[in-house]
């Protein structure tokens, strides 16, 4: 780390302390050239990848949109909030795990559908009808038949 005073390239860490929350580290440093002391803070920076839409436009990943999608699909369905939050977290962690700077919106949609299928089959059909732009009743019946054949079991309901 360069010294902010003399721009010297060599500094020495004199003291290190973790914040109370544990989300940052405070380091007290001393410049080996000018002997002045200064403080630096170290924090984790997690950046979600850009989302590439179907039309090629790019947008920031928006967790609120993800929440909205789940909430709309699960509206008035008997699924505990705890399970919904876990499913949303799983999608977010899956996006992080891709390790890419950009992710296709289709990939995220598929992740959401996979989680909804585990949570509630009716919510899955609701989401799929919008996501896949169902045009008529045949599209619904094909989706329902695919859900029936699916080996995925719904998660147990918590009262």
N, C-alpha and C. Protein backbone atom coordinates (compact mmCIF):
# COMPACT_ATOMS: atom_id res chain seq x y z
N UNK A 1 0.85 -1.17 0.00
CA UNK A 1 0.00 0.00 0.00
C UNK A 1 0.90 1.23 0.00
N UNK A 2 0.61 2.18 -0.89
CA UNK A 2 1.39 3.42 -0.96
C UNK A 2 1.02 4.35 0.18
N UNK A 3 1.98 5.09 0.65
CA UNK A 3 1.76 6.10 1.69
C UNK A 3 0.98 7.27 1.09
N UNK A 4 -0.11 7.70 1.74
CA UNK A 4 -0.88 8.83 1.20
C UNK A 4 -0.15 10.17 1.35
N UNK A 5 0.91 10.22 2.16
CA UNK A 5 1.64 11.47 2.40
C UNK A 5 2.80 11.66 1.43
N UNK A 6 3.70 10.66 1.38
CA UNK A 6 4.89 10.81 0.53
C UNK A 6 4.86 9.91 -0.70
N UNK A 7 3.80 9.11 -0.82
CA UNK A 7 3.62 8.16 -1.93
C UNK A 7 4.68 7.06 -1.94
N UNK A 8 5.34 6.87 -0.81
CA UNK A 8 6.32 5.80 -0.68
C UNK A 8 5.66 4.44 -0.85
N UNK A 9 6.34 3.51 -1.51
CA UNK A 9 5.73 2.21 -1.82
C UNK A 9 5.69 1.22 -0.65
N UNK A 10 6.46 1.46 0.40
CA UNK A 10 6.56 0.48 1.48
C UNK A 10 5.93 1.00 2.77
N UNK A 11 4.95 0.23 3.26
CA UNK A 11 4.33 0.55 4.55
C UNK A 11 4.31 -0.72 5.38
N UNK A 12 4.21 -0.50 6.67
CA UNK A 12 4.21 -1.62 7.61
C UNK A 12 2.91 -1.58 8.41
N UNK A 13 2.27 -2.74 8.59
CA UNK A 13 1.06 -2.82 9.40
C UNK A 13 1.48 -2.85 10.87
N UNK A 14 0.99 -1.85 11.65
CA UNK A 14 1.34 -1.73 13.06
C UNK A 14 0.30 -2.42 13.94
N UNK A 15 -0.99 -2.30 13.55
CA UNK A 15 -2.07 -2.85 14.35
C UNK A 15 -3.21 -3.27 13.43
N UNK A 16 -3.88 -4.38 13.74
CA UNK A 16 -5.02 -4.87 12.97
C UNK A 16 -6.15 -5.18 13.92
N UNK A 17 -7.34 -4.65 13.59
CA UNK A 17 -8.53 -4.92 14.41
C UNK A 17 -9.72 -5.19 13.52
N UNK A 18 -10.50 -6.18 13.93
CA UNK A 18 -11.74 -6.50 13.22
C UNK A 18 -12.86 -5.63 13.80
N UNK A 19 -13.79 -5.17 12.94
CA UNK A 19 -14.92 -4.38 13.43
C UNK A 19 -15.83 -5.25 14.29
N UNK A 20 -16.68 -4.60 15.09
CA UNK A 20 -17.59 -5.35 15.96
C UNK A 20 -18.50 -6.27 15.17
N UNK A 21 -18.96 -5.79 14.02
CA UNK A 21 -19.86 -6.60 13.17
C UNK A 21 -19.12 -7.71 12.44
N UNK A 22 -17.79 -7.59 12.37
CA UNK A 22 -16.99 -8.60 11.68
C UNK A 22 -16.98 -8.45 10.18
N UNK A 23 -17.47 -7.31 9.67
CA UNK A 23 -17.56 -7.13 8.22
C UNK A 23 -16.44 -6.27 7.63
N UNK A 24 -15.53 -5.79 8.48
CA UNK A 24 -14.39 -5.03 7.97
C UNK A 24 -13.21 -5.18 8.92
N UNK A 25 -12.04 -4.86 8.39
CA UNK A 25 -10.81 -4.91 9.18
C UNK A 25 -10.14 -3.54 9.11
N UNK A 26 -9.78 -3.02 10.26
CA UNK A 26 -9.09 -1.73 10.37
C UNK A 26 -7.61 -2.03 10.55
N UNK A 27 -6.79 -1.41 9.72
CA UNK A 27 -5.34 -1.60 9.83
C UNK A 27 -4.66 -0.26 10.05
N UNK A 28 -3.84 -0.19 11.06
CA UNK A 28 -3.03 0.99 11.35
C UNK A 28 -1.69 0.74 10.68
N UNK A 29 -1.25 1.66 9.83
CA UNK A 29 -0.02 1.48 9.06
C UNK A 29 0.98 2.60 9.32
N UNK A 30 2.26 2.28 9.07
CA UNK A 30 3.34 3.25 9.22
C UNK A 30 4.18 3.21 7.94
N UNK A 31 4.42 4.39 7.40
CA UNK A 31 5.24 4.50 6.20
C UNK A 31 6.70 4.29 6.59
N UNK A 32 7.41 3.45 5.84
CA UNK A 32 8.82 3.19 6.13
C UNK A 32 9.73 4.31 5.62
N UNK A 33 9.19 5.18 4.75
CA UNK A 33 9.99 6.30 4.22
C UNK A 33 9.88 7.54 5.10
N UNK A 34 8.63 8.01 5.36
CA UNK A 34 8.44 9.27 6.09
C UNK A 34 8.02 9.07 7.55
N UNK A 35 7.79 7.82 7.95
CA UNK A 35 7.44 7.47 9.33
C UNK A 35 6.04 7.93 9.76
N UNK A 36 5.24 8.50 8.86
CA UNK A 36 3.88 8.93 9.23
C UNK A 36 2.98 7.71 9.30
N UNK A 37 1.92 7.85 10.13
CA UNK A 37 0.97 6.75 10.32
C UNK A 37 -0.37 7.11 9.67
N UNK A 38 -1.06 6.09 9.22
CA UNK A 38 -2.39 6.27 8.64
C UNK A 38 -3.19 4.99 8.82
N UNK A 39 -4.50 5.09 8.62
CA UNK A 39 -5.40 3.96 8.82
C UNK A 39 -6.03 3.57 7.50
N UNK A 40 -6.15 2.26 7.28
CA UNK A 40 -6.88 1.74 6.12
C UNK A 40 -7.96 0.80 6.61
N UNK A 41 -9.00 0.63 5.78
CA UNK A 41 -10.09 -0.28 6.10
C UNK A 41 -10.23 -1.27 4.95
N UNK A 42 -10.43 -2.51 5.33
CA UNK A 42 -10.57 -3.58 4.36
C UNK A 42 -11.98 -4.15 4.48
N UNK A 43 -12.73 -4.16 3.38
CA UNK A 43 -14.08 -4.73 3.38
C UNK A 43 -14.25 -5.62 2.16
N UNK A 44 -15.19 -6.52 2.24
CA UNK A 44 -15.49 -7.42 1.13
C UNK A 44 -16.37 -6.67 0.14
N UNK A 45 -16.04 -6.80 -1.13
CA UNK A 45 -16.86 -6.20 -2.17
C UNK A 45 -17.38 -7.31 -3.06
N UNK A 46 -18.67 -7.53 -3.01
CA UNK A 46 -19.30 -8.53 -3.86
C UNK A 46 -20.11 -7.80 -4.92
N UNK A 47 -19.81 -8.09 -6.15
CA UNK A 47 -20.55 -7.46 -7.24
C UNK A 47 -21.33 -8.52 -7.99
N UNK A 48 -22.60 -8.28 -8.09
CA UNK A 48 -23.42 -9.18 -8.89
C UNK A 48 -23.11 -8.91 -10.36
N UNK A 49 -23.23 -9.93 -11.19
CA UNK A 49 -22.97 -9.72 -12.62
C UNK A 49 -24.08 -8.88 -13.27
N UNK A 50 -23.77 -8.32 -14.42
CA UNK A 50 -24.76 -7.62 -15.22
C UNK A 50 -25.70 -8.66 -15.80
N UNK A 51 -26.97 -8.29 -15.94
CA UNK A 51 -27.96 -9.18 -16.54
C UNK A 51 -28.14 -8.77 -17.99
N UNK A 52 -27.98 -9.73 -18.90
CA UNK A 52 -28.16 -9.47 -20.32
C UNK A 52 -29.59 -9.89 -20.67
N UNK A 53 -30.39 -8.89 -21.04
CA UNK A 53 -31.80 -9.13 -21.37
C UNK A 53 -31.91 -9.79 -22.74
N UNK A 54 -33.11 -10.26 -23.09
CA UNK A 54 -33.34 -10.91 -24.38
C UNK A 54 -33.04 -9.98 -25.55
N UNK A 55 -33.28 -8.68 -25.37
CA UNK A 55 -33.05 -7.73 -26.45
C UNK A 55 -31.59 -7.28 -26.54
N UNK A 56 -30.72 -7.85 -25.68
CA UNK A 56 -29.31 -7.51 -25.71
C UNK A 56 -28.91 -6.39 -24.76
N UNK A 57 -29.89 -5.70 -24.20
CA UNK A 57 -29.59 -4.62 -23.25
C UNK A 57 -29.03 -5.24 -21.97
N UNK A 58 -28.22 -4.45 -21.27
CA UNK A 58 -27.65 -4.90 -20.01
C UNK A 58 -28.21 -4.07 -18.87
N UNK A 59 -28.41 -4.71 -17.74
CA UNK A 59 -28.93 -4.03 -16.55
C UNK A 59 -28.26 -4.61 -15.32
N UNK A 60 -28.26 -3.82 -14.25
CA UNK A 60 -27.73 -4.30 -12.98
C UNK A 60 -28.64 -5.41 -12.45
N UNK A 61 -28.07 -6.39 -11.79
CA UNK A 61 -28.86 -7.43 -11.13
C UNK A 61 -29.68 -6.75 -10.04
N UNK A 62 -30.97 -7.01 -10.01
CA UNK A 62 -31.86 -6.35 -9.06
C UNK A 62 -32.56 -7.40 -8.21
N UNK A 63 -32.13 -7.48 -6.95
CA UNK A 63 -32.72 -8.46 -6.03
C UNK A 63 -34.20 -8.18 -5.81
N UNK A 64 -34.61 -6.92 -5.89
CA UNK A 64 -36.03 -6.57 -5.72
C UNK A 64 -36.88 -7.20 -6.81
N UNK A 65 -36.36 -7.24 -8.04
CA UNK A 65 -37.11 -7.88 -9.14
C UNK A 65 -37.27 -9.37 -8.88
N UNK A 66 -36.21 -9.97 -8.33
CA UNK A 66 -36.26 -11.39 -8.00
C UNK A 66 -37.32 -11.64 -6.93
N UNK A 67 -37.33 -10.81 -5.88
CA UNK A 67 -38.35 -10.92 -4.83
C UNK A 67 -39.75 -10.75 -5.40
N UNK A 68 -39.92 -9.77 -6.27
CA UNK A 68 -41.22 -9.51 -6.87
C UNK A 68 -41.70 -10.72 -7.67
N UNK A 69 -40.79 -11.32 -8.43
CA UNK A 69 -41.16 -12.50 -9.22
C UNK A 69 -41.65 -13.64 -8.35
N UNK A 70 -40.91 -13.91 -7.28
CA UNK A 70 -41.33 -14.97 -6.36
C UNK A 70 -42.66 -14.62 -5.70
N UNK A 71 -42.80 -13.39 -5.24
CA UNK A 71 -44.02 -13.00 -4.54
C UNK A 71 -45.25 -13.04 -5.44
N UNK A 72 -45.11 -12.65 -6.69
CA UNK A 72 -46.24 -12.72 -7.62
C UNK A 72 -46.64 -14.16 -7.89
N UNK A 73 -45.66 -15.00 -8.11
CA UNK A 73 -45.96 -16.41 -8.40
C UNK A 73 -46.57 -17.10 -7.18
N UNK A 74 -46.14 -16.71 -5.98
CA UNK A 74 -46.58 -17.37 -4.76
C UNK A 74 -47.74 -16.64 -4.06
N UNK A 75 -48.32 -15.64 -4.73
CA UNK A 75 -49.41 -14.87 -4.12
C UNK A 75 -50.55 -15.79 -3.66
N UNK A 76 -50.89 -15.69 -2.39
CA UNK A 76 -51.96 -16.48 -1.76
C UNK A 76 -51.72 -17.98 -1.81
N UNK A 77 -50.46 -18.38 -1.86
CA UNK A 77 -50.11 -19.79 -1.80
C UNK A 77 -49.57 -20.09 -0.41
N UNK A 78 -49.81 -21.31 0.10
CA UNK A 78 -49.41 -21.65 1.47
C UNK A 78 -47.93 -22.06 1.59
N UNK A 79 -47.05 -21.12 1.25
CA UNK A 79 -45.61 -21.39 1.33
C UNK A 79 -45.01 -20.45 2.37
N UNK A 80 -44.34 -20.99 3.38
CA UNK A 80 -43.75 -20.16 4.43
C UNK A 80 -42.69 -19.20 3.89
N UNK A 81 -42.66 -18.01 4.44
CA UNK A 81 -41.70 -16.98 4.04
C UNK A 81 -40.28 -17.48 4.17
N UNK A 82 -40.03 -18.27 5.18
CA UNK A 82 -38.68 -18.82 5.42
C UNK A 82 -38.20 -19.63 4.20
N UNK A 83 -39.08 -20.42 3.62
CA UNK A 83 -38.72 -21.22 2.46
C UNK A 83 -38.54 -20.36 1.22
N UNK A 84 -39.37 -19.32 1.10
CA UNK A 84 -39.26 -18.40 -0.04
C UNK A 84 -37.92 -17.67 0.03
N UNK A 85 -37.58 -17.17 1.21
CA UNK A 85 -36.31 -16.47 1.39
C UNK A 85 -35.13 -17.38 1.07
N UNK A 86 -35.23 -18.63 1.48
CA UNK A 86 -34.15 -19.60 1.20
C UNK A 86 -34.02 -19.84 -0.30
N UNK A 87 -35.15 -19.90 -0.99
CA UNK A 87 -35.13 -20.11 -2.44
C UNK A 87 -34.51 -18.91 -3.15
N UNK A 88 -34.87 -17.71 -2.72
CA UNK A 88 -34.29 -16.49 -3.30
C UNK A 88 -32.79 -16.46 -3.05
N UNK A 89 -32.38 -16.78 -1.83
CA UNK A 89 -30.95 -16.83 -1.51
C UNK A 89 -30.23 -17.86 -2.38
N UNK A 90 -30.88 -18.97 -2.63
CA UNK A 90 -30.27 -20.01 -3.45
C UNK A 90 -30.05 -19.52 -4.88
N UNK A 91 -31.02 -18.78 -5.42
CA UNK A 91 -30.87 -18.23 -6.77
C UNK A 91 -29.71 -17.24 -6.79
N UNK A 92 -29.65 -16.35 -5.80
CA UNK A 92 -28.58 -15.35 -5.73
C UNK A 92 -27.22 -16.04 -5.64
N UNK A 93 -27.12 -17.05 -4.77
CA UNK A 93 -25.85 -17.77 -4.62
C UNK A 93 -25.48 -18.51 -5.91
N UNK A 94 -26.48 -19.01 -6.62
CA UNK A 94 -26.22 -19.69 -7.89
C UNK A 94 -25.69 -18.72 -8.93
N UNK A 95 -26.22 -17.50 -8.94
CA UNK A 95 -25.74 -16.47 -9.87
C UNK A 95 -24.29 -16.12 -9.52
N UNK A 96 -24.01 -15.94 -8.23
CA UNK A 96 -22.63 -15.69 -7.78
C UNK A 96 -21.71 -16.82 -8.21
N UNK A 97 -22.17 -18.05 -8.02
CA UNK A 97 -21.35 -19.23 -8.28
C UNK A 97 -20.97 -19.37 -9.75
N UNK A 98 -21.75 -18.75 -10.64
CA UNK A 98 -21.40 -18.80 -12.05
C UNK A 98 -20.05 -18.14 -12.30
N UNK A 99 -19.72 -17.15 -11.46
CA UNK A 99 -18.43 -16.47 -11.57
C UNK A 99 -18.26 -15.65 -12.84
N UNK A 100 -19.35 -15.27 -13.43
CA UNK A 100 -19.31 -14.50 -14.68
C UNK A 100 -19.57 -13.02 -14.42
N UNK A 101 -19.11 -12.19 -15.31
CA UNK A 101 -19.37 -10.75 -15.21
C UNK A 101 -20.74 -10.41 -15.78
N UNK A 102 -21.24 -11.29 -16.66
CA UNK A 102 -22.55 -11.12 -17.25
C UNK A 102 -23.29 -12.45 -17.20
N UNK A 103 -24.60 -12.36 -16.98
CA UNK A 103 -25.41 -13.57 -16.96
C UNK A 103 -26.68 -13.29 -17.77
N UNK A 104 -27.08 -14.27 -18.54
CA UNK A 104 -28.26 -14.14 -19.38
C UNK A 104 -29.52 -14.18 -18.51
N UNK A 105 -30.47 -13.31 -18.80
CA UNK A 105 -31.71 -13.28 -18.02
C UNK A 105 -32.43 -14.62 -18.09
N UNK A 106 -32.25 -15.35 -19.18
CA UNK A 106 -32.86 -16.67 -19.33
C UNK A 106 -32.34 -17.64 -18.26
N UNK A 107 -31.05 -17.56 -17.96
CA UNK A 107 -30.46 -18.43 -16.94
C UNK A 107 -31.11 -18.16 -15.58
N UNK A 108 -31.28 -16.89 -15.28
CA UNK A 108 -31.90 -16.53 -14.00
C UNK A 108 -33.34 -17.02 -13.96
N UNK A 109 -34.06 -16.84 -15.05
CA UNK A 109 -35.44 -17.31 -15.13
C UNK A 109 -35.54 -18.82 -14.92
N UNK A 110 -34.60 -19.56 -15.49
CA UNK A 110 -34.59 -21.02 -15.31
C UNK A 110 -34.32 -21.39 -13.85
N UNK A 111 -33.43 -20.64 -13.21
CA UNK A 111 -33.14 -20.88 -11.79
C UNK A 111 -34.39 -20.64 -10.94
N UNK A 112 -35.10 -19.56 -11.25
CA UNK A 112 -36.33 -19.23 -10.52
C UNK A 112 -37.35 -20.35 -10.71
N UNK A 113 -37.51 -20.81 -11.94
CA UNK A 113 -38.49 -21.88 -12.21
C UNK A 113 -38.13 -23.15 -11.44
N UNK A 114 -36.85 -23.46 -11.39
CA UNK A 114 -36.40 -24.66 -10.66
C UNK A 114 -36.76 -24.55 -9.18
N UNK A 115 -36.53 -23.37 -8.59
CA UNK A 115 -36.85 -23.17 -7.17
C UNK A 115 -38.36 -23.19 -6.93
N UNK A 116 -39.12 -22.57 -7.83
CA UNK A 116 -40.58 -22.55 -7.67
C UNK A 116 -41.17 -23.96 -7.78
N UNK A 117 -40.59 -24.78 -8.64
CA UNK A 117 -41.07 -26.16 -8.78
C UNK A 117 -40.91 -26.91 -7.46
N UNK A 118 -39.83 -26.63 -6.74
CA UNK A 118 -39.61 -27.26 -5.44
C UNK A 118 -40.58 -26.73 -4.38
N UNK A 119 -40.90 -25.43 -4.48
CA UNK A 119 -41.74 -24.80 -3.46
C UNK A 119 -43.22 -25.09 -3.63
N UNK A 120 -43.72 -24.87 -4.85
CA UNK A 120 -45.16 -24.95 -5.07
C UNK A 120 -45.43 -25.08 -6.57
N UNK A 121 -46.10 -26.14 -6.94
CA UNK A 121 -46.32 -26.41 -8.36
C UNK A 121 -47.25 -25.40 -9.01
N UNK A 122 -48.22 -24.90 -8.27
CA UNK A 122 -49.13 -23.88 -8.82
C UNK A 122 -48.34 -22.59 -9.10
N UNK A 123 -47.47 -22.22 -8.19
CA UNK A 123 -46.63 -21.03 -8.38
C UNK A 123 -45.72 -21.23 -9.59
N UNK A 124 -45.23 -22.43 -9.76
CA UNK A 124 -44.38 -22.74 -10.92
C UNK A 124 -45.15 -22.49 -12.21
N UNK A 125 -46.39 -22.99 -12.28
CA UNK A 125 -47.22 -22.81 -13.48
C UNK A 125 -47.50 -21.33 -13.72
N UNK A 126 -47.80 -20.60 -12.65
CA UNK A 126 -48.04 -19.15 -12.78
C UNK A 126 -46.83 -18.46 -13.39
N UNK A 127 -45.65 -18.73 -12.82
CA UNK A 127 -44.44 -18.08 -13.31
C UNK A 127 -44.15 -18.50 -14.74
N UNK A 128 -44.25 -19.80 -15.01
CA UNK A 128 -43.97 -20.31 -16.35
C UNK A 128 -44.89 -19.70 -17.40
N UNK A 129 -46.15 -19.45 -17.03
CA UNK A 129 -47.09 -18.89 -18.00
C UNK A 129 -46.67 -17.51 -18.47
N UNK A 130 -46.07 -16.74 -17.59
CA UNK A 130 -45.59 -15.40 -17.96
C UNK A 130 -44.20 -15.51 -18.58
N UNK A 131 -43.33 -16.25 -17.95
CA UNK A 131 -41.94 -16.37 -18.38
C UNK A 131 -41.85 -16.96 -19.79
N UNK A 132 -42.66 -17.97 -20.05
CA UNK A 132 -42.62 -18.63 -21.36
C UNK A 132 -43.69 -18.10 -22.32
N UNK A 133 -44.39 -17.06 -21.92
CA UNK A 133 -45.40 -16.39 -22.75
C UNK A 133 -46.41 -17.38 -23.33
N UNK A 134 -47.11 -18.08 -22.44
CA UNK A 134 -48.14 -19.01 -22.89
C UNK A 134 -49.16 -18.27 -23.75
N UNK A 135 -49.56 -18.89 -24.85
CA UNK A 135 -50.50 -18.26 -25.78
C UNK A 135 -51.91 -18.83 -25.70
N UNK A 136 -52.01 -20.10 -25.32
CA UNK A 136 -53.34 -20.68 -25.23
C UNK A 136 -53.38 -21.79 -24.17
N UNK A 137 -54.54 -22.42 -24.04
CA UNK A 137 -54.75 -23.43 -23.01
C UNK A 137 -53.82 -24.63 -23.20
N UNK A 138 -53.49 -24.94 -24.43
CA UNK A 138 -52.60 -26.08 -24.70
C UNK A 138 -51.24 -25.88 -24.02
N UNK A 139 -50.73 -24.64 -24.01
CA UNK A 139 -49.46 -24.36 -23.34
C UNK A 139 -49.56 -24.67 -21.85
N UNK A 140 -50.70 -24.30 -21.25
CA UNK A 140 -50.92 -24.58 -19.82
C UNK A 140 -50.98 -26.09 -19.58
N UNK A 141 -51.74 -26.78 -20.41
CA UNK A 141 -51.89 -28.23 -20.18
C UNK A 141 -50.56 -28.96 -20.38
N UNK A 142 -49.72 -28.50 -21.30
CA UNK A 142 -48.41 -29.11 -21.48
C UNK A 142 -47.53 -28.87 -20.25
N UNK A 143 -47.62 -27.67 -19.70
CA UNK A 143 -46.83 -27.35 -18.50
C UNK A 143 -47.31 -28.17 -17.30
N UNK A 144 -48.63 -28.30 -17.17
CA UNK A 144 -49.19 -29.09 -16.07
C UNK A 144 -48.76 -30.55 -16.21
N UNK A 145 -48.79 -31.07 -17.41
CA UNK A 145 -48.38 -32.45 -17.64
C UNK A 145 -46.89 -32.64 -17.31
N UNK A 146 -46.07 -31.65 -17.66
CA UNK A 146 -44.64 -31.71 -17.34
C UNK A 146 -44.42 -31.71 -15.83
N UNK A 147 -45.22 -30.93 -15.11
CA UNK A 147 -45.12 -30.88 -13.64
C UNK A 147 -45.54 -32.21 -13.04
N UNK A 148 -46.60 -32.80 -13.59
CA UNK A 148 -47.05 -34.11 -13.09
C UNK A 148 -45.97 -35.17 -13.24
N UNK A 149 -45.24 -35.12 -14.35
CA UNK A 149 -44.20 -36.11 -14.62
C UNK A 149 -42.90 -35.79 -13.88
N UNK A 150 -42.80 -34.59 -13.33
CA UNK A 150 -41.58 -34.15 -12.65
C UNK A 150 -41.33 -34.98 -11.40
N UNK A 151 -40.06 -35.40 -11.22
CA UNK A 151 -39.72 -36.18 -10.01
C UNK A 151 -39.55 -35.29 -8.77
N UNK A 152 -39.59 -33.97 -8.96
CA UNK A 152 -39.37 -33.04 -7.85
C UNK A 152 -40.59 -33.06 -6.93
N UNK A 153 -40.33 -33.27 -5.67
CA UNK A 153 -41.39 -33.24 -4.65
C UNK A 153 -41.44 -31.85 -4.05
N UNK A 154 -42.65 -31.37 -3.73
CA UNK A 154 -42.77 -30.09 -3.07
C UNK A 154 -42.19 -30.20 -1.67
N UNK A 155 -41.63 -29.10 -1.17
CA UNK A 155 -41.08 -29.08 0.19
C UNK A 155 -42.24 -29.17 1.18
N UNK A 156 -42.02 -29.80 2.33
CA UNK A 156 -43.07 -29.90 3.33
C UNK A 156 -43.50 -28.52 3.82
N UNK A 157 -44.77 -28.40 4.07
CA UNK A 157 -45.31 -27.13 4.55
C UNK A 157 -45.10 -27.01 6.05
N UNK A 158 -44.71 -25.82 6.47
CA UNK A 158 -44.52 -25.52 7.88
C UNK A 158 -45.72 -24.75 8.37
N UNK A 159 -46.34 -25.22 9.45
CA UNK A 159 -47.54 -24.55 9.94
C UNK A 159 -47.19 -23.40 10.84
